[in-house]
Amino acid sequence: SNTMGWYRQAPGKQRELVAGITSTG
């Protein structure tokens, strides 16, 4: 029912969006 996502953060770097999926797919 919600937007879900995966983020990642490497040493010395900012957190970034890797992939996302909305409630409608």
PDBML (XML) file of the C-alpha atoms, coordinates in Angstrom:
<?xml version="1.0" encoding="UTF-8" ?>
<PDBx:datablock datablockName="MODEL"
   xmlns:PDBx="http://pdbml.pdb.org/schema/pdbx-v50.xsd"
   xmlns:xsi="http://www.w3.org/2001/XMLSchema-instance"
   xsi:schemaLocation="http://pdbml.pdb.org/schema/pdbx-v50.xsd pdbx-v50.xsd">
   <PDBx:atom_siteCategory>
      <PDBx:atom_site id="1">
         <PDBx:B_iso_or_equiv>0.00</PDBx:B_iso_or_equiv>
         <PDBx:Cartn_x>0.000</PDBx:Cartn_x>
         <PDBx:Cartn_y>0.000</PDBx:Cartn_y>
         <PDBx:Cartn_z>0.000</PDBx:Cartn_z>
         <PDBx:auth_asym_id>A</PDBx:auth_asym_id>
         <PDBx:auth_atom_id>CA</PDBx:auth_atom_id>
         <PDBx:auth_comp_id>SER</PDBx:auth_comp_id>
         <PDBx:auth_seq_id>1</PDBx:auth_seq_id>
         <PDBx:group_PDB>ATOM</PDBx:group_PDB>
         <PDBx:label_alt_id xsi:nil="true" />
         <PDBx:label_asym_id>A</PDBx:label_asym_id>
         <PDBx:label_atom_id>CA</PDBx:label_atom_id>
         <PDBx:label_comp_id>SER</PDBx:label_comp_id>
         <PDBx:label_entity_id>1</PDBx:label_entity_id>
         <PDBx:label_seq_id>1</PDBx:label_seq_id>
         <PDBx:occupancy>1.00</PDBx:occupancy>
         <PDBx:pdbx_PDB_model_num>1</PDBx:pdbx_PDB_model_num>
         <PDBx:type_symbol>C</PDBx:type_symbol>
      </PDBx:atom_site>
      <PDBx:atom_site id="2">
         <PDBx:B_iso_or_equiv>0.00</PDBx:B_iso_or_equiv>
         <PDBx:Cartn_x>3.067</PDBx:Cartn_x>
         <PDBx:Cartn_y>2.230</PDBx:Cartn_y>
         <PDBx:Cartn_z>0.113</PDBx:Cartn_z>
         <PDBx:auth_asym_id>A</PDBx:auth_asym_id>
         <PDBx:auth_atom_id>CA</PDBx:auth_atom_id>
         <PDBx:auth_comp_id>ASN</PDBx:auth_comp_id>
         <PDBx:auth_seq_id>2</PDBx:auth_seq_id>
         <PDBx:group_PDB>ATOM</PDBx:group_PDB>
         <PDBx:label_alt_id xsi:nil="true" />
         <PDBx:label_asym_id>A</PDBx:label_asym_id>
         <PDBx:label_atom_id>CA</PDBx:label_atom_id>
         <PDBx:label_comp_id>ASN</PDBx:label_comp_id>
         <PDBx:label_entity_id>1</PDBx:label_entity_id>
         <PDBx:label_seq_id>2</PDBx:label_seq_id>
         <PDBx:occupancy>1.00</PDBx:occupancy>
         <PDBx:pdbx_PDB_model_num>1</PDBx:pdbx_PDB_model_num>
         <PDBx:type_symbol>C</PDBx:type_symbol>
      </PDBx:atom_site>
      <PDBx:atom_site id="3">
         <PDBx:B_iso_or_equiv>0.00</PDBx:B_iso_or_equiv>
         <PDBx:Cartn_x>6.079</PDBx:Cartn_x>
         <PDBx:Cartn_y>3.229</PDBx:Cartn_y>
         <PDBx:Cartn_z>-1.913</PDBx:Cartn_z>
         <PDBx:auth_asym_id>A</PDBx:auth_asym_id>
         <PDBx:auth_atom_id>CA</PDBx:auth_atom_id>
         <PDBx:auth_comp_id>THR</PDBx:auth_comp_id>
         <PDBx:auth_seq_id>3</PDBx:auth_seq_id>
         <PDBx:group_PDB>ATOM</PDBx:group_PDB>
         <PDBx:label_alt_id xsi:nil="true" />
         <PDBx:label_asym_id>A</PDBx:label_asym_id>
         <PDBx:label_atom_id>CA</PDBx:label_atom_id>
         <PDBx:label_comp_id>THR</PDBx:label_comp_id>
         <PDBx:label_entity_id>1</PDBx:label_entity_id>
         <PDBx:label_seq_id>3</PDBx:label_seq_id>
         <PDBx:occupancy>1.00</PDBx:occupancy>
         <PDBx:pdbx_PDB_model_num>1</PDBx:pdbx_PDB_model_num>
         <PDBx:type_symbol>C</PDBx:type_symbol>
      </PDBx:atom_site>
      <PDBx:atom_site id="4">
         <PDBx:B_iso_or_equiv>0.00</PDBx:B_iso_or_equiv>
         <PDBx:Cartn_x>9.030</PDBx:Cartn_x>
         <PDBx:Cartn_y>1.045</PDBx:Cartn_y>
         <PDBx:Cartn_z>-0.919</PDBx:Cartn_z>
         <PDBx:auth_asym_id>A</PDBx:auth_asym_id>
         <PDBx:auth_atom_id>CA</PDBx:auth_atom_id>
         <PDBx:auth_comp_id>MET</PDBx:auth_comp_id>
         <PDBx:auth_seq_id>4</PDBx:auth_seq_id>
         <PDBx:group_PDB>ATOM</PDBx:group_PDB>
         <PDBx:label_alt_id xsi:nil="true" />
         <PDBx:label_asym_id>A</PDBx:label_asym_id>
         <PDBx:label_atom_id>CA</PDBx:label_atom_id>
         <PDBx:label_comp_id>MET</PDBx:label_comp_id>
         <PDBx:label_entity_id>1</PDBx:label_entity_id>
         <PDBx:label_seq_id>4</PDBx:label_seq_id>
         <PDBx:occupancy>1.00</PDBx:occupancy>
         <PDBx:pdbx_PDB_model_num>1</PDBx:pdbx_PDB_model_num>
         <PDBx:type_symbol>C</PDBx:type_symbol>
      </PDBx:atom_site>
      <PDBx:atom_site id="5">
         <PDBx:B_iso_or_equiv>0.00</PDBx:B_iso_or_equiv>
         <PDBx:Cartn_x>12.661</PDBx:Cartn_x>
         <PDBx:Cartn_y>1.413</PDBx:Cartn_y>
         <PDBx:Cartn_z>-1.831</PDBx:Cartn_z>
         <PDBx:auth_asym_id>A</PDBx:auth_asym_id>
         <PDBx:auth_atom_id>CA</PDBx:auth_atom_id>
         <PDBx:auth_comp_id>GLY</PDBx:auth_comp_id>
         <PDBx:auth_seq_id>5</PDBx:auth_seq_id>
         <PDBx:group_PDB>ATOM</PDBx:group_PDB>
         <PDBx:label_alt_id xsi:nil="true" />
         <PDBx:label_asym_id>A</PDBx:label_asym_id>
         <PDBx:label_atom_id>CA</PDBx:label_atom_id>
         <PDBx:label_comp_id>GLY</PDBx:label_comp_id>
         <PDBx:label_entity_id>1</PDBx:label_entity_id>
         <PDBx:label_seq_id>5</PDBx:label_seq_id>
         <PDBx:occupancy>1.00</PDBx:occupancy>
         <PDBx:pdbx_PDB_model_num>1</PDBx:pdbx_PDB_model_num>
         <PDBx:type_symbol>C</PDBx:type_symbol>
      </PDBx:atom_site>
      <PDBx:atom_site id="6">
         <PDBx:B_iso_or_equiv>0.00</PDBx:B_iso_or_equiv>
         <PDBx:Cartn_x>16.222</PDBx:Cartn_x>
         <PDBx:Cartn_y>0.286</PDBx:Cartn_y>
         <PDBx:Cartn_z>-1.398</PDBx:Cartn_z>
         <PDBx:auth_asym_id>A</PDBx:auth_asym_id>
         <PDBx:auth_atom_id>CA</PDBx:auth_atom_id>
         <PDBx:auth_comp_id>TRP</PDBx:auth_comp_id>
         <PDBx:auth_seq_id>6</PDBx:auth_seq_id>
         <PDBx:group_PDB>ATOM</PDBx:group_PDB>
         <PDBx:label_alt_id xsi:nil="true" />
         <PDBx:label_asym_id>A</PDBx:label_asym_id>
         <PDBx:label_atom_id>CA</PDBx:label_atom_id>
         <PDBx:label_comp_id>TRP</PDBx:label_comp_id>
         <PDBx:label_entity_id>1</PDBx:label_entity_id>
         <PDBx:label_seq_id>6</PDBx:label_seq_id>
         <PDBx:occupancy>1.00</PDBx:occupancy>
         <PDBx:pdbx_PDB_model_num>1</PDBx:pdbx_PDB_model_num>
         <PDBx:type_symbol>C</PDBx:type_symbol>
      </PDBx:atom_site>
      <PDBx:atom_site id="7">
         <PDBx:B_iso_or_equiv>0.00</PDBx:B_iso_or_equiv>
         <PDBx:Cartn_x>18.981</PDBx:Cartn_x>
         <PDBx:Cartn_y>2.782</PDBx:Cartn_y>
         <PDBx:Cartn_z>-0.677</PDBx:Cartn_z>
         <PDBx:auth_asym_id>A</PDBx:auth_asym_id>
         <PDBx:auth_atom_id>CA</PDBx:auth_atom_id>
         <PDBx:auth_comp_id>TYR</PDBx:auth_comp_id>
         <PDBx:auth_seq_id>7</PDBx:auth_seq_id>
         <PDBx:group_PDB>ATOM</PDBx:group_PDB>
         <PDBx:label_alt_id xsi:nil="true" />
         <PDBx:label_asym_id>A</PDBx:label_asym_id>
         <PDBx:label_atom_id>CA</PDBx:label_atom_id>
         <PDBx:label_comp_id>TYR</PDBx:label_comp_id>
         <PDBx:label_entity_id>1</PDBx:label_entity_id>
         <PDBx:label_seq_id>7</PDBx:label_seq_id>
         <PDBx:occupancy>1.00</PDBx:occupancy>
         <PDBx:pdbx_PDB_model_num>1</PDBx:pdbx_PDB_model_num>
         <PDBx:type_symbol>C</PDBx:type_symbol>
      </PDBx:atom_site>
      <PDBx:atom_site id="8">
         <PDBx:B_iso_or_equiv>0.00</PDBx:B_iso_or_equiv>
         <PDBx:Cartn_x>22.679</PDBx:Cartn_x>
         <PDBx:Cartn_y>2.245</PDBx:Cartn_y>
         <PDBx:Cartn_z>-0.149</PDBx:Cartn_z>
         <PDBx:auth_asym_id>A</PDBx:auth_asym_id>
         <PDBx:auth_atom_id>CA</PDBx:auth_atom_id>
         <PDBx:auth_comp_id>ARG</PDBx:auth_comp_id>
         <PDBx:auth_seq_id>8</PDBx:auth_seq_id>
         <PDBx:group_PDB>ATOM</PDBx:group_PDB>
         <PDBx:label_alt_id xsi:nil="true" />
         <PDBx:label_asym_id>A</PDBx:label_asym_id>
         <PDBx:label_atom_id>CA</PDBx:label_atom_id>
         <PDBx:label_comp_id>ARG</PDBx:label_comp_id>
         <PDBx:label_entity_id>1</PDBx:label_entity_id>
         <PDBx:label_seq_id>8</PDBx:label_seq_id>
         <PDBx:occupancy>1.00</PDBx:occupancy>
         <PDBx:pdbx_PDB_model_num>1</PDBx:pdbx_PDB_model_num>
         <PDBx:type_symbol>C</PDBx:type_symbol>
      </PDBx:atom_site>
      <PDBx:atom_site id="9">
         <PDBx:B_iso_or_equiv>0.00</PDBx:B_iso_or_equiv>
         <PDBx:Cartn_x>25.517</PDBx:Cartn_x>
         <PDBx:Cartn_y>4.116</PDBx:Cartn_y>
         <PDBx:Cartn_z>1.480</PDBx:Cartn_z>
         <PDBx:auth_asym_id>A</PDBx:auth_asym_id>
         <PDBx:auth_atom_id>CA</PDBx:auth_atom_id>
         <PDBx:auth_comp_id>GLN</PDBx:auth_comp_id>
         <PDBx:auth_seq_id>9</PDBx:auth_seq_id>
         <PDBx:group_PDB>ATOM</PDBx:group_PDB>
         <PDBx:label_alt_id xsi:nil="true" />
         <PDBx:label_asym_id>A</PDBx:label_asym_id>
         <PDBx:label_atom_id>CA</PDBx:label_atom_id>
         <PDBx:label_comp_id>GLN</PDBx:label_comp_id>
         <PDBx:label_entity_id>1</PDBx:label_entity_id>
         <PDBx:label_seq_id>9</PDBx:label_seq_id>
         <PDBx:occupancy>1.00</PDBx:occupancy>
         <PDBx:pdbx_PDB_model_num>1</PDBx:pdbx_PDB_model_num>
         <PDBx:type_symbol>C</PDBx:type_symbol>
      </PDBx:atom_site>
      <PDBx:atom_site id="10">
         <PDBx:B_iso_or_equiv>0.00</PDBx:B_iso_or_equiv>
         <PDBx:Cartn_x>29.189</PDBx:Cartn_x>
         <PDBx:Cartn_y>3.434</PDBx:Cartn_y>
         <PDBx:Cartn_z>0.848</PDBx:Cartn_z>
         <PDBx:auth_asym_id>A</PDBx:auth_asym_id>
         <PDBx:auth_atom_id>CA</PDBx:auth_atom_id>
         <PDBx:auth_comp_id>ALA</PDBx:auth_comp_id>
         <PDBx:auth_seq_id>10</PDBx:auth_seq_id>
         <PDBx:group_PDB>ATOM</PDBx:group_PDB>
         <PDBx:label_alt_id xsi:nil="true" />
         <PDBx:label_asym_id>A</PDBx:label_asym_id>
         <PDBx:label_atom_id>CA</PDBx:label_atom_id>
         <PDBx:label_comp_id>ALA</PDBx:label_comp_id>
         <PDBx:label_entity_id>1</PDBx:label_entity_id>
         <PDBx:label_seq_id>10</PDBx:label_seq_id>
         <PDBx:occupancy>1.00</PDBx:occupancy>
         <PDBx:pdbx_PDB_model_num>1</PDBx:pdbx_PDB_model_num>
         <PDBx:type_symbol>C</PDBx:type_symbol>
      </PDBx:atom_site>
      <PDBx:atom_site id="11">
         <PDBx:B_iso_or_equiv>0.00</PDBx:B_iso_or_equiv>
         <PDBx:Cartn_x>31.980</PDBx:Cartn_x>
         <PDBx:Cartn_y>4.721</PDBx:Cartn_y>
         <PDBx:Cartn_z>3.126</PDBx:Cartn_z>
         <PDBx:auth_asym_id>A</PDBx:auth_asym_id>
         <PDBx:auth_atom_id>CA</PDBx:auth_atom_id>
         <PDBx:auth_comp_id>PRO</PDBx:auth_comp_id>
         <PDBx:auth_seq_id>11</PDBx:auth_seq_id>
         <PDBx:group_PDB>ATOM</PDBx:group_PDB>
         <PDBx:label_alt_id xsi:nil="true" />
         <PDBx:label_asym_id>A</PDBx:label_asym_id>
         <PDBx:label_atom_id>CA</PDBx:label_atom_id>
         <PDBx:label_comp_id>PRO</PDBx:label_comp_id>
         <PDBx:label_entity_id>1</PDBx:label_entity_id>
         <PDBx:label_seq_id>11</PDBx:label_seq_id>
         <PDBx:occupancy>1.00</PDBx:occupancy>
         <PDBx:pdbx_PDB_model_num>1</PDBx:pdbx_PDB_model_num>
         <PDBx:type_symbol>C</PDBx:type_symbol>
      </PDBx:atom_site>
      <PDBx:atom_site id="12">
         <PDBx:B_iso_or_equiv>0.00</PDBx:B_iso_or_equiv>
         <PDBx:Cartn_x>32.561</PDBx:Cartn_x>
         <PDBx:Cartn_y>8.426</PDBx:Cartn_y>
         <PDBx:Cartn_z>2.558</PDBx:Cartn_z>
         <PDBx:auth_asym_id>A</PDBx:auth_asym_id>
         <PDBx:auth_atom_id>CA</PDBx:auth_atom_id>
         <PDBx:auth_comp_id>GLY</PDBx:auth_comp_id>
         <PDBx:auth_seq_id>12</PDBx:auth_seq_id>
         <PDBx:group_PDB>ATOM</PDBx:group_PDB>
         <PDBx:label_alt_id xsi:nil="true" />
         <PDBx:label_asym_id>A</PDBx:label_asym_id>
         <PDBx:label_atom_id>CA</PDBx:label_atom_id>
         <PDBx:label_comp_id>GLY</PDBx:label_comp_id>
         <PDBx:label_entity_id>1</PDBx:label_entity_id>
         <PDBx:label_seq_id>12</PDBx:label_seq_id>
         <PDBx:occupancy>1.00</PDBx:occupancy>
         <PDBx:pdbx_PDB_model_num>1</PDBx:pdbx_PDB_model_num>
         <PDBx:type_symbol>C</PDBx:type_symbol>
      </PDBx:atom_site>
      <PDBx:atom_site id="13">
         <PDBx:B_iso_or_equiv>0.00</PDBx:B_iso_or_equiv>
         <PDBx:Cartn_x>29.534</PDBx:Cartn_x>
         <PDBx:Cartn_y>8.782</PDBx:Cartn_y>
         <PDBx:Cartn_z>0.285</PDBx:Cartn_z>
         <PDBx:auth_asym_id>A</PDBx:auth_asym_id>
         <PDBx:auth_atom_id>CA</PDBx:auth_atom_id>
         <PDBx:auth_comp_id>LYS</PDBx:auth_comp_id>
         <PDBx:auth_seq_id>13</PDBx:auth_seq_id>
         <PDBx:group_PDB>ATOM</PDBx:group_PDB>
         <PDBx:label_alt_id xsi:nil="true" />
         <PDBx:label_asym_id>A</PDBx:label_asym_id>
         <PDBx:label_atom_id>CA</PDBx:label_atom_id>
         <PDBx:label_comp_id>LYS</PDBx:label_comp_id>
         <PDBx:label_entity_id>1</PDBx:label_entity_id>
         <PDBx:label_seq_id>13</PDBx:label_seq_id>
         <PDBx:occupancy>1.00</PDBx:occupancy>
         <PDBx:pdbx_PDB_model_num>1</PDBx:pdbx_PDB_model_num>
         <PDBx:type_symbol>C</PDBx:type_symbol>
      </PDBx:atom_site>
      <PDBx:atom_site id="14">
         <PDBx:B_iso_or_equiv>0.00</PDBx:B_iso_or_equiv>
         <PDBx:Cartn_x>25.964</PDBx:Cartn_x>
         <PDBx:Cartn_y>10.005</PDBx:Cartn_y>
         <PDBx:Cartn_z>0.682</PDBx:Cartn_z>
         <PDBx:auth_asym_id>A</PDBx:auth_asym_id>
         <PDBx:auth_atom_id>CA</PDBx:auth_atom_id>
         <PDBx:auth_comp_id>GLN</PDBx:auth_comp_id>
         <PDBx:auth_seq_id>14</PDBx:auth_seq_id>
         <PDBx:group_PDB>ATOM</PDBx:group_PDB>
         <PDBx:label_alt_id xsi:nil="true" />
         <PDBx:label_asym_id>A</PDBx:label_asym_id>
         <PDBx:label_atom_id>CA</PDBx:label_atom_id>
         <PDBx:label_comp_id>GLN</PDBx:label_comp_id>
         <PDBx:label_entity_id>1</PDBx:label_entity_id>
         <PDBx:label_seq_id>14</PDBx:label_seq_id>
         <PDBx:occupancy>1.00</PDBx:occupancy>
         <PDBx:pdbx_PDB_model_num>1</PDBx:pdbx_PDB_model_num>
         <PDBx:type_symbol>C</PDBx:type_symbol>
      </PDBx:atom_site>
      <PDBx:atom_site id="15">
         <PDBx:B_iso_or_equiv>0.00</PDBx:B_iso_or_equiv>
         <PDBx:Cartn_x>23.046</PDBx:Cartn_x>
         <PDBx:Cartn_y>7.621</PDBx:Cartn_y>
         <PDBx:Cartn_z>0.825</PDBx:Cartn_z>
         <PDBx:auth_asym_id>A</PDBx:auth_asym_id>
         <PDBx:auth_atom_id>CA</PDBx:auth_atom_id>
         <PDBx:auth_comp_id>ARG</PDBx:auth_comp_id>
         <PDBx:auth_seq_id>15</PDBx:auth_seq_id>
         <PDBx:group_PDB>ATOM</PDBx:group_PDB>
         <PDBx:label_alt_id xsi:nil="true" />
         <PDBx:label_asym_id>A</PDBx:label_asym_id>
         <PDBx:label_atom_id>CA</PDBx:label_atom_id>
         <PDBx:label_comp_id>ARG</PDBx:label_comp_id>
         <PDBx:label_entity_id>1</PDBx:label_entity_id>
         <PDBx:label_seq_id>15</PDBx:label_seq_id>
         <PDBx:occupancy>1.00</PDBx:occupancy>
         <PDBx:pdbx_PDB_model_num>1</PDBx:pdbx_PDB_model_num>
         <PDBx:type_symbol>C</PDBx:type_symbol>
      </PDBx:atom_site>
      <PDBx:atom_site id="16">
         <PDBx:B_iso_or_equiv>0.00</PDBx:B_iso_or_equiv>
         <PDBx:Cartn_x>21.580</PDBx:Cartn_x>
         <PDBx:Cartn_y>7.082</PDBx:Cartn_y>
         <PDBx:Cartn_z>-2.638</PDBx:Cartn_z>
         <PDBx:auth_asym_id>A</PDBx:auth_asym_id>
         <PDBx:auth_atom_id>CA</PDBx:auth_atom_id>
         <PDBx:auth_comp_id>GLU</PDBx:auth_comp_id>
         <PDBx:auth_seq_id>16</PDBx:auth_seq_id>
         <PDBx:group_PDB>ATOM</PDBx:group_PDB>
         <PDBx:label_alt_id xsi:nil="true" />
         <PDBx:label_asym_id>A</PDBx:label_asym_id>
         <PDBx:label_atom_id>CA</PDBx:label_atom_id>
         <PDBx:label_comp_id>GLU</PDBx:label_comp_id>
         <PDBx:label_entity_id>1</PDBx:label_entity_id>
         <PDBx:label_seq_id>16</PDBx:label_seq_id>
         <PDBx:occupancy>1.00</PDBx:occupancy>
         <PDBx:pdbx_PDB_model_num>1</PDBx:pdbx_PDB_model_num>
         <PDBx:type_symbol>C</PDBx:type_symbol>
      </PDBx:atom_site>
      <PDBx:atom_site id="17">
         <PDBx:B_iso_or_equiv>0.00</PDBx:B_iso_or_equiv>
         <PDBx:Cartn_x>18.422</PDBx:Cartn_x>
         <PDBx:Cartn_y>5.553</PDBx:Cartn_y>
         <PDBx:Cartn_z>-4.044</PDBx:Cartn_z>
         <PDBx:auth_asym_id>A</PDBx:auth_asym_id>
         <PDBx:auth_atom_id>CA</PDBx:auth_atom_id>
         <PDBx:auth_comp_id>LEU</PDBx:auth_comp_id>
         <PDBx:auth_seq_id>17</PDBx:auth_seq_id>
         <PDBx:group_PDB>ATOM</PDBx:group_PDB>
         <PDBx:label_alt_id xsi:nil="true" />
         <PDBx:label_asym_id>A</PDBx:label_asym_id>
         <PDBx:label_atom_id>CA</PDBx:label_atom_id>
         <PDBx:label_comp_id>LEU</PDBx:label_comp_id>
         <PDBx:label_entity_id>1</PDBx:label_entity_id>
         <PDBx:label_seq_id>17</PDBx:label_seq_id>
         <PDBx:occupancy>1.00</PDBx:occupancy>
         <PDBx:pdbx_PDB_model_num>1</PDBx:pdbx_PDB_model_num>
         <PDBx:type_symbol>C</PDBx:type_symbol>
      </PDBx:atom_site>
      <PDBx:atom_site id="18">
         <PDBx:B_iso_or_equiv>0.00</PDBx:B_iso_or_equiv>
         <PDBx:Cartn_x>19.041</PDBx:Cartn_x>
         <PDBx:Cartn_y>2.193</PDBx:Cartn_y>
         <PDBx:Cartn_z>-5.696</PDBx:Cartn_z>
         <PDBx:auth_asym_id>A</PDBx:auth_asym_id>
         <PDBx:auth_atom_id>CA</PDBx:auth_atom_id>
         <PDBx:auth_comp_id>VAL</PDBx:auth_comp_id>
         <PDBx:auth_seq_id>18</PDBx:auth_seq_id>
         <PDBx:group_PDB>ATOM</PDBx:group_PDB>
         <PDBx:label_alt_id xsi:nil="true" />
         <PDBx:label_asym_id>A</PDBx:label_asym_id>
         <PDBx:label_atom_id>CA</PDBx:label_atom_id>
         <PDBx:label_comp_id>VAL</PDBx:label_comp_id>
         <PDBx:label_entity_id>1</PDBx:label_entity_id>
         <PDBx:label_seq_id>18</PDBx:label_seq_id>
         <PDBx:occupancy>1.00</PDBx:occupancy>
         <PDBx:pdbx_PDB_model_num>1</PDBx:pdbx_PDB_model_num>
         <PDBx:type_symbol>C</PDBx:type_symbol>
      </PDBx:atom_site>
      <PDBx:atom_site id="19">
         <PDBx:B_iso_or_equiv>0.00</PDBx:B_iso_or_equiv>
         <PDBx:Cartn_x>15.516</PDBx:Cartn_x>
         <PDBx:Cartn_y>1.077</PDBx:Cartn_y>
         <PDBx:Cartn_z>-6.607</PDBx:Cartn_z>
         <PDBx:auth_asym_id>A</PDBx:auth_asym_id>
         <PDBx:auth_atom_id>CA</PDBx:auth_atom_id>
         <PDBx:auth_comp_id>ALA</PDBx:auth_comp_id>
         <PDBx:auth_seq_id>19</PDBx:auth_seq_id>
         <PDBx:group_PDB>ATOM</PDBx:group_PDB>
         <PDBx:label_alt_id xsi:nil="true" />
         <PDBx:label_asym_id>A</PDBx:label_asym_id>
         <PDBx:label_atom_id>CA</PDBx:label_atom_id>
         <PDBx:label_comp_id>ALA</PDBx:label_comp_id>
         <PDBx:label_entity_id>1</PDBx:label_entity_id>
         <PDBx:label_seq_id>19</PDBx:label_seq_id>
         <PDBx:occupancy>1.00</PDBx:occupancy>
         <PDBx:pdbx_PDB_model_num>1</PDBx:pdbx_PDB_model_num>
         <PDBx:type_symbol>C</PDBx:type_symbol>
      </PDBx:atom_site>
      <PDBx:atom_site id="20">
         <PDBx:B_iso_or_equiv>0.00</PDBx:B_iso_or_equiv>
         <PDBx:Cartn_x>11.924</PDBx:Cartn_x>
         <PDBx:Cartn_y>1.933</PDBx:Cartn_y>
         <PDBx:Cartn_z>-5.754</PDBx:Cartn_z>
         <PDBx:auth_asym_id>A</PDBx:auth_asym_id>
         <PDBx:auth_atom_id>CA</PDBx:auth_atom_id>
         <PDBx:auth_comp_id>GLY</PDBx:auth_comp_id>
         <PDBx:auth_seq_id>20</PDBx:auth_seq_id>
         <PDBx:group_PDB>ATOM</PDBx:group_PDB>
         <PDBx:label_alt_id xsi:nil="true" />
         <PDBx:label_asym_id>A</PDBx:label_asym_id>
         <PDBx:label_atom_id>CA</PDBx:label_atom_id>
         <PDBx:label_comp_id>GLY</PDBx:label_comp_id>
         <PDBx:label_entity_id>1</PDBx:label_entity_id>
         <PDBx:label_seq_id>20</PDBx:label_seq_id>
         <PDBx:occupancy>1.00</PDBx:occupancy>
         <PDBx:pdbx_PDB_model_num>1</PDBx:pdbx_PDB_model_num>
         <PDBx:type_symbol>C</PDBx:type_symbol>
      </PDBx:atom_site>
      <PDBx:atom_site id="21">
         <PDBx:B_iso_or_equiv>0.00</PDBx:B_iso_or_equiv>
         <PDBx:Cartn_x>8.480</PDBx:Cartn_x>
         <PDBx:Cartn_y>0.462</PDBx:Cartn_y>
         <PDBx:Cartn_z>-6.283</PDBx:Cartn_z>
         <PDBx:auth_asym_id>A</PDBx:auth_asym_id>
         <PDBx:auth_atom_id>CA</PDBx:auth_atom_id>
         <PDBx:auth_comp_id>ILE</PDBx:auth_comp_id>
         <PDBx:auth_seq_id>21</PDBx:auth_seq_id>
         <PDBx:group_PDB>ATOM</PDBx:group_PDB>
         <PDBx:label_alt_id xsi:nil="true" />
         <PDBx:label_asym_id>A</PDBx:label_asym_id>
         <PDBx:label_atom_id>CA</PDBx:label_atom_id>
         <PDBx:label_comp_id>ILE</PDBx:label_comp_id>
         <PDBx:label_entity_id>1</PDBx:label_entity_id>
         <PDBx:label_seq_id>21</PDBx:label_seq_id>
         <PDBx:occupancy>1.00</PDBx:occupancy>
         <PDBx:pdbx_PDB_model_num>1</PDBx:pdbx_PDB_model_num>
         <PDBx:type_symbol>C</PDBx:type_symbol>
      </PDBx:atom_site>
      <PDBx:atom_site id="22">
         <PDBx:B_iso_or_equiv>0.00</PDBx:B_iso_or_equiv>
         <PDBx:Cartn_x>5.148</PDBx:Cartn_x>
         <PDBx:Cartn_y>2.263</PDBx:Cartn_y>
         <PDBx:Cartn_z>-5.883</PDBx:Cartn_z>
         <PDBx:auth_asym_id>A</PDBx:auth_asym_id>
         <PDBx:auth_atom_id>CA</PDBx:auth_atom_id>
         <PDBx:auth_comp_id>THR</PDBx:auth_comp_id>
         <PDBx:auth_seq_id>22</PDBx:auth_seq_id>
         <PDBx:group_PDB>ATOM</PDBx:group_PDB>
         <PDBx:label_alt_id xsi:nil="true" />
         <PDBx:label_asym_id>A</PDBx:label_asym_id>
         <PDBx:label_atom_id>CA</PDBx:label_atom_id>
         <PDBx:label_comp_id>THR</PDBx:label_comp_id>
         <PDBx:label_entity_id>1</PDBx:label_entity_id>
         <PDBx:label_seq_id>22</PDBx:label_seq_id>
         <PDBx:occupancy>1.00</PDBx:occupancy>
         <PDBx:pdbx_PDB_model_num>1</PDBx:pdbx_PDB_model_num>
         <PDBx:type_symbol>C</PDBx:type_symbol>
      </PDBx:atom_site>
      <PDBx:atom_site id="23">
         <PDBx:B_iso_or_equiv>0.00</PDBx:B_iso_or_equiv>
         <PDBx:Cartn_x>1.863</PDBx:Cartn_x>
         <PDBx:Cartn_y>0.897</PDBx:Cartn_y>
         <PDBx:Cartn_z>-4.562</PDBx:Cartn_z>
         <PDBx:auth_asym_id>A</PDBx:auth_asym_id>
         <PDBx:auth_atom_id>CA</PDBx:auth_atom_id>
         <PDBx:auth_comp_id>SER</PDBx:auth_comp_id>
         <PDBx:auth_seq_id>23</PDBx:auth_seq_id>
         <PDBx:group_PDB>ATOM</PDBx:group_PDB>
         <PDBx:label_alt_id xsi:nil="true" />
         <PDBx:label_asym_id>A</PDBx:label_asym_id>
         <PDBx:label_atom_id>CA</PDBx:label_atom_id>
         <PDBx:label_comp_id>SER</PDBx:label_comp_id>
         <PDBx:label_entity_id>1</PDBx:label_entity_id>
         <PDBx:label_seq_id>23</PDBx:label_seq_id>
         <PDBx:occupancy>1.00</PDBx:occupancy>
         <PDBx:pdbx_PDB_model_num>1</PDBx:pdbx_PDB_model_num>
         <PDBx:type_symbol>C</PDBx:type_symbol>
      </PDBx:atom_site>
      <PDBx:atom_site id="24">
         <PDBx:B_iso_or_equiv>0.00</PDBx:B_iso_or_equiv>
         <PDBx:Cartn_x>0.758</PDBx:Cartn_x>
         <PDBx:Cartn_y>0.393</PDBx:Cartn_y>
         <PDBx:Cartn_z>-8.173</PDBx:Cartn_z>
         <PDBx:auth_asym_id>A</PDBx:auth_asym_id>
         <PDBx:auth_atom_id>CA</PDBx:auth_atom_id>
         <PDBx:auth_comp_id>THR</PDBx:auth_comp_id>
         <PDBx:auth_seq_id>24</PDBx:auth_seq_id>
         <PDBx:group_PDB>ATOM</PDBx:group_PDB>
         <PDBx:label_alt_id xsi:nil="true" />
         <PDBx:label_asym_id>A</PDBx:label_asym_id>
         <PDBx:label_atom_id>CA</PDBx:label_atom_id>
         <PDBx:label_comp_id>THR</PDBx:label_comp_id>
         <PDBx:label_entity_id>1</PDBx:label_entity_id>
         <PDBx:label_seq_id>24</PDBx:label_seq_id>
         <PDBx:occupancy>1.00</PDBx:occupancy>
         <PDBx:pdbx_PDB_model_num>1</PDBx:pdbx_PDB_model_num>
         <PDBx:type_symbol>C</PDBx:type_symbol>
      </PDBx:atom_site>
      <PDBx:atom_site id="25">
         <PDBx:B_iso_or_equiv>0.00</PDBx:B_iso_or_equiv>
         <PDBx:Cartn_x>3.879</PDBx:Cartn_x>
         <PDBx:Cartn_y>-1.553</PDBx:Cartn_y>
         <PDBx:Cartn_z>-9.120</PDBx:Cartn_z>
         <PDBx:auth_asym_id>A</PDBx:auth_asym_id>
         <PDBx:auth_atom_id>CA</PDBx:auth_atom_id>
         <PDBx:auth_comp_id>GLY</PDBx:auth_comp_id>
         <PDBx:auth_seq_id>25</PDBx:auth_seq_id>
         <PDBx:group_PDB>ATOM</PDBx:group_PDB>
         <PDBx:label_alt_id xsi:nil="true" />
         <PDBx:label_asym_id>A</PDBx:label_asym_id>
         <PDBx:label_atom_id>CA</PDBx:label_atom_id>
         <PDBx:label_comp_id>GLY</PDBx:label_comp_id>
         <PDBx:label_entity_id>1</PDBx:label_entity_id>
         <PDBx:label_seq_id>25</PDBx:label_seq_id>
         <PDBx:occupancy>1.00</PDBx:occupancy>
         <PDBx:pdbx_PDB_model_num>1</PDBx:pdbx_PDB_model_num>
         <PDBx:type_symbol>C</PDBx:type_symbol>
      </PDBx:atom_site>
   </PDBx:atom_siteCategory>
</PDBx:datablock>
